[in-house]
Amino acid sequence: MSYALLQNGSDIRGIAMENETGAEVNLTNEAARDLGYAFAIWLIEQSGKKDLKIALGRDSRLTGQALLESAAQGIAAAGVLCDDFGIASTPAMFMSTVLADYDGSVMITASHLPYYRNGMKFFTPKGGLEKAQIAELTKKADDVAKKEISFSKIGLNKVNFMEDYSKYLRDKICNGVGKSERPLEGLKIIVDAGNGAGGFYVENVLKPLGADVTGSQFLEPDGHFPNHIPNPENKEAAESIKNATIANKADLGIIFDTDVDRAGAVLPSGKTLTRNDLIAVLSRIALQEHPGTTIVTDSVTSSGLAKFIKAHGGVHRRFKRGYRNVIDESIRLNNEGIDSQLAIETSGHGAFKENFFLDDGAYLMVKLLIEMGKGQGLEEMIADLEEPKESNELRFKVNLDAGEELQKNGDRILDGLVSFVERTNGWSLEKDNFEGVRVNCDKENGDGWLLLRKSLHEPIMPLNIESDSEGGCLVIARKLKEFLGKESTLDLTPLNDFCND
């Protein structure tokens, strides 16, 4: 098997252990070893140095330690030193190249995916490796697998870097609030870590700053994830932190995903800060600090959010899905001389320019905590955010005959939708659009918008529909069915079910 099959965009992802699905294990210890060796060699080539040091960390997954040790064997065989950070967050692994003297780092994680999956993320001081660099890495690993290289177990030096990273976060809060000691005194803030890597936030960040953390839950790392999927977007997880926030009368509830690069929050009223709401409050903070800045988001943000950003003096750049797309676009704008302080996707991946454009859920929460420490009410900050009455996402599986090209088929469908919109009363194409086809629908014809696009990685076409009127999504869906109903390459079951409910 070529290791190219393990590439998932800018990450490595695979099946790491036998499981009830029967899916074959492909992210083996040998794969981690060969990829570790390849990364070390690649880093030597890129840096022009041989005296390098790489940091290794993992989340709480059951296969994490074995994969970490295997990657370390590969790195050591390439003649590079490495340290074991133990359970860590993905953002902390990048920060090891900033706050410490590491030339690169590897995080063993599969984010919110099921327990039997795992993966690898690679960092240098310039940030995470891009898609093309991961492809280069897998090619090198394929070559490693063909060679006779002597690998052996090594004694790993264990480093408690999470304390250094936590101090970085604590200092940000103290400086932001303007109090060097206990700036969160009097605030009750609870955390749901979902048995992932986020439990450090309670002991190492919140408690030393004076916060009451009573009611925090699922802080102990457990790779079985026994309580709920550690994913802020998961309904069960979202309900869990919402109930805990209300029951404990907390001033803020925080929920992290497994490796803490995403986060969501809950206000005392039970209102959740996820998707458009989270983007809105963070945009408001960015605009207070940098008036007129450009906020880059993904393609499925609401019309109300666009109005909100504009009303508060900002520029909204609605770009493509994919957190790397959003971050890279913000970086590109800055390189062109256009100030862009925040890049954020509705999934909860968000990155501030001031924080190395690192998508870090823990840092996003730092920005909220600073405002709270200064006495600012978060709900009041987004009181004028117009929220849609209805919002739905439908996902259509693509069924193609052998030899048919997925991307060309998607382009054909999208071109057909453009023609359909041009002859449909009350519908118009969104001009400022960078992904798929986004359609604005007037009050008589759905009172909202739709976006049909191609998936980044899967053979599906997602459809997002939003309306400012009750029943508006159904109006939009039924009108769209006039076009899609004739499409034989899409499984339209979700659309048919929605229209018939």
Protein backbone atom coordinates (compact mmCIF):
# COMPACT_ATOMS: atom_id res chain seq x y z
CA MET A 1 0.00 0.00 0.00
CA SER A 2 1.24 3.47 -0.86
CA TYR A 3 1.23 5.90 2.06
CA ALA A 4 -0.40 8.39 -0.29
CA LEU A 5 -3.67 6.64 0.59
CA LEU A 6 -3.29 7.96 4.15
CA GLN A 7 -3.21 11.59 3.05
CA ASN A 8 -6.26 13.64 4.01
CA GLY A 9 -5.60 17.14 2.76
CA SER A 10 -2.85 18.57 4.95
CA ASP A 11 -3.01 15.67 7.47
CA ILE A 12 -2.39 11.94 7.66
CA ARG A 13 -5.49 9.95 8.66
CA GLY A 14 -6.18 6.23 8.83
CA ILE A 15 -7.62 3.22 10.63
CA ALA A 16 -5.27 2.58 13.57
CA MET A 17 -6.87 -0.42 15.29
CA GLU A 18 -9.26 -3.29 14.64
CA ASN A 19 -12.86 -2.27 15.22
CA GLU A 20 -16.48 -3.24 14.85
CA THR A 21 -16.71 -1.84 11.29
CA GLY A 22 -14.32 -4.46 9.97
CA ALA A 23 -12.28 -1.76 8.20
CA GLU A 24 -8.69 -2.84 7.64
CA VAL A 25 -5.96 -1.23 9.75
CA ASN A 26 -3.78 0.93 7.52
CA LEU A 27 -2.21 3.45 9.90
CA THR A 28 0.16 0.90 11.44
CA ASN A 29 3.12 1.39 13.74
CA GLU A 30 5.32 0.75 10.71
CA ALA A 31 3.53 3.54 8.81
CA ALA A 32 4.12 5.99 11.68
CA ARG A 33 7.77 4.91 11.81
CA ASP A 34 8.32 5.40 8.07
CA LEU A 35 6.51 8.76 8.08
CA GLY A 36 8.55 9.88 11.08
CA TYR A 37 11.76 9.01 9.23
CA ALA A 38 10.51 10.80 6.11
CA PHE A 39 9.61 13.94 8.08
CA ALA A 40 13.06 14.05 9.69
CA ILE A 41 14.80 13.70 6.31
CA TRP A 42 12.47 16.27 4.75
CA LEU A 43 13.19 18.70 7.61
CA ILE A 44 16.95 18.26 7.16
CA GLU A 45 16.59 19.01 3.45
CA GLN A 46 14.40 22.06 4.05
CA SER A 47 16.51 23.58 6.82
CA GLY A 48 19.92 22.68 5.53
CA LYS A 49 20.83 21.60 9.08
CA LYS A 50 21.51 18.18 10.56
CA ASP A 51 21.47 19.17 14.23
CA LEU A 52 17.69 19.19 14.62
CA LYS A 53 15.15 18.45 17.35
CA ILE A 54 11.54 17.37 16.87
CA ALA A 55 8.72 17.37 19.45
CA LEU A 56 6.14 14.57 19.55
CA GLY A 57 2.70 14.78 21.16
CA ARG A 58 -0.61 12.92 21.10
CA ASP A 59 -4.22 13.14 22.12
CA SER A 60 -5.95 10.56 24.32
CA ARG A 61 -6.59 7.93 21.63
CA LEU A 62 -5.88 4.32 22.51
CA THR A 63 -3.29 3.94 19.75
CA GLY A 64 -1.59 7.27 20.40
CA GLN A 65 1.36 6.18 22.51
CA ALA A 66 2.34 3.29 20.24
CA LEU A 67 2.18 5.47 17.14
CA LEU A 68 4.17 8.20 18.90
CA GLU A 69 6.91 5.78 19.90
CA SER A 70 7.02 4.34 16.38
CA ALA A 71 7.34 7.81 14.85
CA ALA A 72 10.15 8.49 17.31
CA GLN A 73 11.98 5.36 16.12
CA GLY A 74 11.84 6.66 12.57
CA ILE A 75 13.02 10.13 13.55
CA ALA A 76 15.91 8.71 15.59
CA ALA A 77 16.94 6.39 12.76
CA ALA A 78 17.28 9.49 10.57
CA GLY A 79 19.74 10.92 13.10
CA VAL A 80 17.41 13.54 14.59
CA LEU A 81 16.69 14.07 18.30
CA CYS A 82 13.10 13.98 19.55
CA ASP A 83 11.20 14.56 22.80
CA ASP A 84 7.92 13.09 24.06
CA PHE A 85 5.38 15.73 25.18
CA GLY A 86 2.82 13.09 26.14
CA ILE A 87 -0.82 14.16 25.91
CA ALA A 88 -0.85 17.60 24.34
CA SER A 89 -2.98 19.81 22.13
CA THR A 90 -2.34 20.27 18.44
CA PRO A 91 -1.82 24.04 18.82
CA ALA A 92 0.72 23.44 21.59
CA MET A 93 2.72 21.23 19.25
CA PHE A 94 3.10 24.09 16.79
CA MET A 95 3.89 26.50 19.63
CA SER A 96 6.83 24.28 20.60
CA THR A 97 8.55 25.66 17.50
CA VAL A 98 7.83 29.22 18.67
CA LEU A 99 8.26 29.14 22.46
CA ALA A 100 10.97 26.46 22.59
CA ASP A 101 13.87 25.44 20.37
CA TYR A 102 12.19 22.73 18.30
CA ASP A 103 12.74 22.65 14.56
CA GLY A 104 9.59 20.68 13.94
CA SER A 105 6.81 18.78 15.67
CA VAL A 106 4.41 15.92 15.11
CA MET A 107 0.95 15.56 16.63
CA ILE A 108 -0.68 12.12 16.74
CA THR A 109 -4.41 12.82 16.44
CA ALA A 110 -7.50 12.25 14.33
CA SER A 111 -9.40 15.17 15.86
CA HIS A 112 -13.07 14.24 16.49
CA LEU A 113 -13.09 11.04 14.42
CA PRO A 114 -14.03 7.67 16.01
CA TYR A 115 -11.75 6.03 18.58
CA TYR A 116 -10.34 3.48 16.14
CA ARG A 117 -8.97 6.13 13.78
CA ASN A 118 -5.81 8.16 14.25
CA GLY A 119 -3.56 10.45 12.28
CA MET A 120 -0.50 12.68 12.16
CA LYS A 121 -0.08 16.43 11.81
CA PHE A 122 3.31 17.95 11.03
CA PHE A 123 4.62 21.42 11.90
CA THR A 124 7.64 23.64 11.31
CA PRO A 125 8.15 27.20 12.63
CA LYS A 126 6.35 28.35 9.47
CA GLY A 127 3.20 26.46 10.42
CA GLY A 128 1.52 23.22 9.48
CA LEU A 129 2.61 21.38 6.36
CA GLU A 130 0.49 22.08 3.30
CA LYS A 131 -1.24 19.52 1.10
CA ALA A 132 1.61 19.40 -1.43
CA GLN A 133 4.18 18.95 1.34
CA ILE A 134 2.23 16.03 2.83
CA ALA A 135 2.18 14.44 -0.63
CA GLU A 136 5.95 14.84 -0.76
CA LEU A 137 6.22 13.30 2.71
CA THR A 138 4.17 10.22 1.79
CA LYS A 139 6.31 9.70 -1.31
CA LYS A 140 9.46 9.79 0.83
CA ALA A 141 7.85 7.35 3.29
CA ASP A 142 7.12 4.96 0.41
CA ASP A 143 10.82 5.05 -0.44
CA VAL A 144 11.71 4.43 3.22
CA ALA A 145 9.52 1.32 3.28
CA LYS A 146 11.52 -0.16 0.36
CA LYS A 147 14.91 0.36 2.01
CA GLU A 148 16.67 -1.74 4.61
CA ILE A 149 16.91 0.71 7.49
CA SER A 150 17.82 -0.30 11.01
CA PHE A 151 15.10 0.79 13.43
CA SER A 152 15.24 0.19 17.17
CA LYS A 153 13.36 1.23 20.27
CA ILE A 154 14.68 4.35 21.94
CA GLY A 155 14.40 5.88 25.37
CA LEU A 156 12.36 9.03 24.91
CA ASN A 157 13.04 12.18 26.90
CA LYS A 158 9.71 13.33 28.39
CA VAL A 159 9.01 17.06 28.46
CA ASN A 160 6.13 18.91 30.19
CA PHE A 161 5.71 21.55 27.53
CA MET A 162 1.98 22.00 28.24
CA GLU A 163 2.92 24.12 31.26
CA ASP A 164 4.95 26.47 29.05
CA TYR A 165 2.09 26.70 26.58
CA SER A 166 -0.41 27.27 29.41
CA LYS A 167 1.72 30.12 30.75
CA TYR A 168 1.62 31.69 27.31
CA LEU A 169 -2.19 31.60 27.44
CA ARG A 170 -2.31 32.87 31.04
CA ASP A 171 -0.05 35.79 30.18
CA LYS A 172 -2.28 36.72 27.25
CA ILE A 173 -5.30 36.89 29.55
CA CYS A 174 -3.49 38.88 32.25
CA ASN A 175 -2.15 41.39 29.74
CA GLY A 176 -5.50 41.65 27.94
CA VAL A 177 -7.48 42.28 31.12
CA GLY A 178 -4.77 44.53 32.58
CA LYS A 179 -4.41 42.57 35.83
CA SER A 180 -1.31 40.55 36.61
CA GLU A 181 -2.97 38.44 39.30
CA ARG A 182 -6.27 36.53 39.27
CA PRO A 183 -7.95 38.47 36.43
CA LEU A 184 -10.80 35.93 36.30
CA GLU A 185 -11.66 36.19 40.02
CA GLY A 186 -15.43 36.13 40.51
CA LEU A 187 -16.16 34.30 37.28
CA LYS A 188 -17.44 30.74 37.10
CA ILE A 189 -16.13 29.03 33.99
CA ILE A 190 -16.58 25.35 33.29
CA VAL A 191 -14.93 23.14 30.68
CA ASP A 192 -16.05 19.98 28.90
CA ALA A 193 -12.95 18.30 27.45
CA GLY A 194 -14.82 15.25 26.14
CA ASN A 195 -12.07 13.03 27.59
CA GLY A 196 -9.69 14.45 25.00
CA ALA A 197 -6.59 16.59 25.53
CA GLY A 198 -8.33 19.76 26.77
CA GLY A 199 -8.43 19.06 30.51
CA PHE A 200 -5.24 21.10 31.02
CA TYR A 201 -7.26 24.28 30.48
CA VAL A 202 -8.92 23.91 33.88
CA GLU A 203 -5.88 23.19 36.04
CA ASN A 204 -3.24 25.14 34.13
CA VAL A 205 -5.11 28.17 32.80
CA LEU A 206 -8.41 28.91 34.56
CA LYS A 207 -7.72 27.99 38.19
CA PRO A 208 -4.41 29.90 38.48
CA LEU A 209 -6.21 33.00 37.17
CA GLY A 210 -8.86 32.82 39.89
CA ALA A 211 -11.80 31.30 38.04
CA ASP A 212 -14.26 28.99 39.80
CA VAL A 213 -14.20 25.82 37.68
CA THR A 214 -16.68 23.77 39.72
CA GLY A 215 -18.84 21.71 37.38
CA SER A 216 -16.20 21.09 34.73
CA GLN A 217 -16.60 17.63 33.25
CA PHE A 218 -14.92 14.82 31.32
CA LEU A 219 -11.44 16.22 31.92
CA GLU A 220 -9.67 12.87 32.28
CA PRO A 221 -8.12 11.62 29.01
CA ASP A 222 -9.86 8.43 27.88
CA GLY A 223 -9.45 7.13 24.35
CA HIS A 224 -12.76 5.27 24.50
CA PHE A 225 -14.54 8.68 24.67
CA PRO A 226 -17.18 7.18 27.00
CA ASN A 227 -19.32 10.29 27.55
CA HIS A 228 -19.77 11.85 24.13
CA ILE A 229 -17.88 12.52 20.92
CA PRO A 230 -15.41 15.34 21.65
CA ASN A 231 -16.72 17.65 18.96
CA PRO A 232 -18.36 21.06 19.59
CA GLU A 233 -20.61 20.49 16.57
CA ASN A 234 -21.94 17.14 17.82
CA LYS A 235 -25.52 17.53 19.10
CA GLU A 236 -25.02 15.29 22.14
CA ALA A 237 -21.80 17.09 23.08
CA ALA A 238 -23.38 20.52 22.61
CA GLU A 239 -26.35 19.54 24.76
CA SER A 240 -24.01 18.19 27.45
CA ILE A 241 -22.07 21.43 27.90
CA LYS A 242 -25.26 23.49 27.63
CA ASN A 243 -26.94 21.52 30.43
CA ALA A 244 -23.80 21.70 32.58
CA THR A 245 -23.52 25.47 32.10
CA ILE A 246 -27.12 26.06 33.14
CA ALA A 247 -27.06 23.56 36.01
CA ASN A 248 -23.90 25.07 37.49
CA LYS A 249 -25.00 28.67 36.84
CA ALA A 250 -21.72 29.27 35.08
CA ASP A 251 -20.74 32.55 33.46
CA LEU A 252 -19.33 30.59 30.54
CA GLY A 253 -19.20 26.96 29.43
CA ILE A 254 -16.36 25.89 27.14
CA ILE A 255 -16.19 22.73 25.03
CA PHE A 256 -13.13 21.53 23.14
CA ASP A 257 -12.65 18.94 20.46
CA THR A 258 -10.21 16.08 21.03
CA ASP A 259 -7.00 17.92 20.16
CA VAL A 260 -8.18 21.45 21.15
CA ASP A 261 -7.78 23.14 17.79
CA ARG A 262 -11.55 23.84 17.85
CA ALA A 263 -13.85 25.14 20.57
CA GLY A 264 -17.37 26.27 21.28
CA ALA A 265 -18.95 28.08 24.21
CA VAL A 266 -22.24 28.45 26.06
CA LEU A 267 -23.53 31.64 27.72
CA PRO A 268 -25.44 31.70 31.05
CA SER A 269 -28.74 31.93 29.17
CA GLY A 270 -27.97 28.65 27.41
CA LYS A 271 -27.25 30.40 24.14
CA THR A 272 -24.46 28.62 22.28
CA LEU A 273 -21.51 30.34 20.71
CA THR A 274 -20.79 28.15 17.70
CA ARG A 275 -20.81 28.68 13.94
CA ASN A 276 -22.12 32.20 13.09
CA ASP A 277 -22.48 33.26 16.74
CA LEU A 278 -18.87 32.41 17.59
CA ILE A 279 -17.62 34.08 14.43
CA ALA A 280 -19.66 37.19 15.28
CA VAL A 281 -18.31 37.68 18.80
CA LEU A 282 -14.72 37.04 17.72
CA SER A 283 -15.19 39.41 14.77
CA ARG A 284 -16.49 42.07 17.14
CA ILE A 285 -13.37 41.64 19.30
CA ALA A 286 -11.09 41.83 16.26
CA LEU A 287 -12.84 44.96 15.01
CA GLN A 288 -12.60 46.66 18.41
CA GLU A 289 -8.86 46.13 18.33
CA HIS A 290 -8.37 46.66 14.59
CA PRO A 291 -11.13 48.86 13.11
CA GLY A 292 -11.85 48.14 9.46
CA THR A 293 -10.07 44.79 9.35
CA THR A 294 -11.17 42.03 6.97
CA ILE A 295 -12.71 38.92 8.48
CA VAL A 296 -12.28 35.82 6.32
CA THR A 297 -14.86 33.04 6.78
CA ASP A 298 -15.88 29.92 4.92
CA SER A 299 -18.63 29.81 2.31
CA VAL A 300 -21.60 28.76 4.46
CA THR A 301 -21.81 31.72 6.84
CA SER A 302 -25.14 33.50 7.08
CA SER A 303 -26.29 36.72 5.47
CA GLY A 304 -26.90 38.07 8.98
CA LEU A 305 -23.23 37.62 9.85
CA ALA A 306 -22.18 39.55 6.75
CA LYS A 307 -24.47 42.43 7.81
CA PHE A 308 -23.12 42.27 11.37
CA ILE A 309 -19.47 42.54 10.30
CA LYS A 310 -20.26 45.42 7.96
CA ALA A 311 -22.34 47.22 10.62
CA HIS A 312 -19.37 47.13 12.98
CA GLY A 313 -17.02 48.62 10.43
CA GLY A 314 -15.44 45.46 9.09
CA VAL A 315 -15.07 43.83 5.70
CA HIS A 316 -16.41 40.30 5.26
CA ARG A 317 -14.57 37.98 2.90
CA ARG A 318 -16.71 34.87 2.45
CA PHE A 319 -14.27 32.33 1.01
CA LYS A 320 -14.09 28.54 0.66
CA ARG A 321 -14.75 25.66 3.04
CA GLY A 322 -11.69 24.17 4.69
CA TYR A 323 -9.84 25.81 7.55
CA ARG A 324 -6.57 25.92 5.63
CA ASN A 325 -8.31 27.66 2.73
CA VAL A 326 -9.69 30.31 5.07
CA ILE A 327 -6.38 30.84 6.88
CA ASP A 328 -4.35 30.91 3.66
CA GLU A 329 -6.71 33.49 2.18
CA SER A 330 -6.31 35.75 5.21
CA ILE A 331 -2.52 35.41 4.98
CA ARG A 332 -2.68 36.20 1.26
CA LEU A 333 -4.68 39.37 1.92
CA ASN A 334 -2.14 40.53 4.50
CA ASN A 335 0.68 39.87 2.06
CA GLU A 336 -1.13 42.12 -0.41
CA GLY A 337 -1.33 44.89 2.17
CA ILE A 338 -4.97 44.30 3.17
CA ASP A 339 -5.28 43.97 6.93
CA SER A 340 -7.00 40.74 7.94
CA GLN A 341 -6.82 39.88 11.64
CA LEU A 342 -9.16 36.88 11.81
CA ALA A 343 -9.73 33.78 9.69
CA ILE A 344 -12.45 31.44 10.94
CA GLU A 345 -14.57 28.57 9.68
CA THR A 346 -18.06 27.67 10.92
CA SER A 347 -16.66 24.35 12.22
CA GLY A 348 -14.89 26.28 15.01
CA HIS A 349 -11.44 26.37 13.41
CA GLY A 350 -10.35 29.98 13.96
CA ALA A 351 -7.02 31.78 13.75
CA PHE A 352 -5.88 35.27 14.74
CA LYS A 353 -3.04 37.03 12.98
CA GLU A 354 -1.62 37.99 16.39
CA ASN A 355 -1.33 34.26 17.23
CA PHE A 356 0.66 33.15 14.19
CA PHE A 357 -2.53 32.33 12.26
CA LEU A 358 -2.73 29.17 14.34
CA ASP A 359 -6.17 27.56 14.54
CA ASP A 360 -6.32 27.17 18.30
CA GLY A 361 -9.55 26.60 20.21
CA ALA A 362 -7.83 27.40 23.50
CA TYR A 363 -6.70 30.78 22.16
CA LEU A 364 -10.18 31.61 20.84
CA MET A 365 -11.46 31.11 24.37
CA VAL A 366 -8.65 33.36 25.68
CA LYS A 367 -10.11 36.18 23.57
CA LEU A 368 -13.55 35.62 25.12
CA LEU A 369 -12.12 35.43 28.65
CA ILE A 370 -10.28 38.73 28.22
CA GLU A 371 -13.57 40.48 27.42
CA MET A 372 -15.26 38.83 30.39
CA GLY A 373 -12.35 39.79 32.66
CA LYS A 374 -12.86 43.40 31.59
CA GLY A 375 -16.55 43.17 32.51
CA GLN A 376 -17.87 42.91 28.98
CA GLY A 377 -21.01 40.82 28.42
CA LEU A 378 -20.53 38.50 25.45
CA GLU A 379 -24.24 38.22 24.67
CA GLU A 380 -24.55 42.00 24.51
CA MET A 381 -21.68 42.12 22.01
CA ILE A 382 -23.74 40.24 19.43
CA ALA A 383 -27.21 41.49 20.36
CA ASP A 384 -27.64 42.96 16.87
CA LEU A 385 -26.66 39.77 15.02
CA GLU A 386 -29.56 38.77 12.78
CA GLU A 387 -30.03 35.02 13.01
CA PRO A 388 -31.93 32.98 10.42
CA LYS A 389 -35.25 31.42 11.26
CA GLU A 390 -34.20 28.16 9.60
CA SER A 391 -30.97 26.54 8.52
CA ASN A 392 -30.41 23.12 6.96
CA GLU A 393 -27.62 21.10 5.37
CA LEU A 394 -28.32 18.19 3.02
CA ARG A 395 -25.58 15.97 1.62
CA PHE A 396 -26.03 14.17 -1.70
CA LYS A 397 -23.92 11.12 -2.46
CA VAL A 398 -22.46 11.09 -5.96
CA ASN A 399 -22.92 7.86 -7.90
CA LEU A 400 -20.69 7.61 -10.97
CA ASP A 401 -19.89 4.83 -13.40
CA ALA A 402 -16.28 3.64 -13.59
CA GLY A 403 -14.14 6.12 -15.48
CA GLU A 404 -16.38 9.13 -14.87
CA GLU A 405 -14.60 12.05 -13.21
CA LEU A 406 -16.00 13.33 -9.93
CA GLN A 407 -14.88 16.93 -10.33
CA LYS A 408 -16.08 17.26 -13.91
CA ASN A 409 -19.45 15.83 -12.95
CA GLY A 410 -19.74 18.37 -10.12
CA ASP A 411 -18.81 21.22 -12.44
CA ARG A 412 -21.47 20.10 -14.92
CA ILE A 413 -24.16 20.14 -12.22
CA LEU A 414 -23.08 23.55 -10.94
CA ASP A 415 -23.05 25.01 -14.47
CA GLY A 416 -26.57 23.69 -14.92
CA LEU A 417 -27.67 25.33 -11.68
CA VAL A 418 -26.33 28.69 -12.88
CA SER A 419 -28.48 28.42 -16.00
CA PHE A 420 -31.51 27.39 -13.92
CA VAL A 421 -31.09 30.39 -11.57
CA GLU A 422 -30.78 32.80 -14.48
CA ARG A 423 -34.27 31.82 -15.66
CA THR A 424 -35.89 31.54 -12.22
CA ASN A 425 -37.93 34.48 -10.91
CA GLY A 426 -36.87 35.76 -7.48
CA TRP A 427 -33.51 33.99 -7.49
CA SER A 428 -30.18 35.60 -8.29
CA LEU A 429 -26.54 34.54 -8.23
CA GLU A 430 -24.32 35.87 -5.46
CA LYS A 431 -21.53 37.78 -7.22
CA ASP A 432 -19.04 37.73 -4.35
CA ASN A 433 -18.68 33.94 -4.22
CA PHE A 434 -15.65 31.66 -4.35
CA GLU A 435 -17.08 28.16 -3.97
CA GLY A 436 -19.89 26.31 -5.65
CA VAL A 437 -23.01 28.26 -6.59
CA ARG A 438 -24.58 30.56 -4.00
CA VAL A 439 -28.09 31.82 -4.76
CA ASN A 440 -30.00 34.67 -3.11
CA CYS A 441 -33.75 34.13 -2.82
CA ASP A 442 -36.14 37.07 -2.39
CA LYS A 443 -38.95 37.15 0.20
CA GLU A 444 -41.55 35.60 -2.10
CA ASN A 445 -39.22 32.79 -3.18
CA GLY A 446 -37.68 31.48 0.04
CA ASP A 447 -36.42 34.63 1.79
CA GLY A 448 -32.85 33.40 2.16
CA TRP A 449 -30.09 31.67 0.22
CA LEU A 450 -28.74 28.33 -0.88
CA LEU A 451 -25.26 27.08 -1.61
CA LEU A 452 -24.54 23.93 -3.61
CA ARG A 453 -20.88 22.93 -3.75
CA LYS A 454 -18.49 20.06 -4.29
CA SER A 455 -17.01 18.39 -1.21
CA LEU A 456 -13.32 18.90 -0.50
CA HIS A 457 -12.54 15.23 0.08
CA GLU A 458 -15.64 13.06 -0.35
CA PRO A 459 -17.84 11.92 -3.29
CA ILE A 460 -20.73 14.08 -2.15
CA MET A 461 -22.28 17.46 -2.97
CA PRO A 462 -23.40 19.38 0.13
CA LEU A 463 -26.35 21.76 -0.02
CA ASN A 464 -26.84 24.51 2.55
CA ILE A 465 -30.17 26.32 2.78
CA GLU A 466 -31.01 29.23 5.07
CA SER A 467 -34.16 31.33 5.38
CA ASP A 468 -35.31 34.32 7.40
CA SER A 469 -38.91 33.08 7.30
CA GLU A 470 -40.53 29.99 8.78
CA GLY A 471 -41.09 27.49 6.00
CA GLY A 472 -38.69 29.34 3.72
CA CYS A 473 -36.21 26.49 3.49
CA LEU A 474 -38.96 24.21 2.20
CA VAL A 475 -39.85 26.77 -0.49
CA ILE A 476 -36.22 26.91 -1.59
CA ALA A 477 -35.80 23.13 -1.51
CA ARG A 478 -38.90 22.50 -3.61
CA LYS A 479 -37.85 25.06 -6.18
CA LEU A 480 -34.35 23.55 -6.34
CA LYS A 481 -35.88 20.10 -6.80
CA GLU A 482 -37.27 21.29 -10.15
CA PHE A 483 -33.63 21.38 -11.29
CA LEU A 484 -31.98 18.58 -9.30
CA GLY A 485 -34.87 16.15 -9.71
CA LYS A 486 -33.59 15.23 -13.18
CA GLU A 487 -30.03 14.58 -11.97
CA SER A 488 -29.24 10.85 -12.12
CA THR A 489 -25.72 11.01 -10.59
CA LEU A 490 -26.91 12.29 -7.21
CA ASP A 491 -28.70 10.36 -4.49
CA LEU A 492 -31.50 12.86 -3.85
CA THR A 493 -33.05 10.94 -0.94
CA PRO A 494 -32.24 13.72 1.57
CA LEU A 495 -33.91 16.33 -0.66
CA ASN A 496 -36.95 14.16 -1.33
CA ASP A 497 -37.35 13.41 2.38
CA PHE A 498 -37.00 17.11 3.27
CA CYS A 499 -39.56 18.19 0.68
CA ASN A 500 -42.04 15.50 1.77
CA ASP A 501 -41.83 16.09 5.55
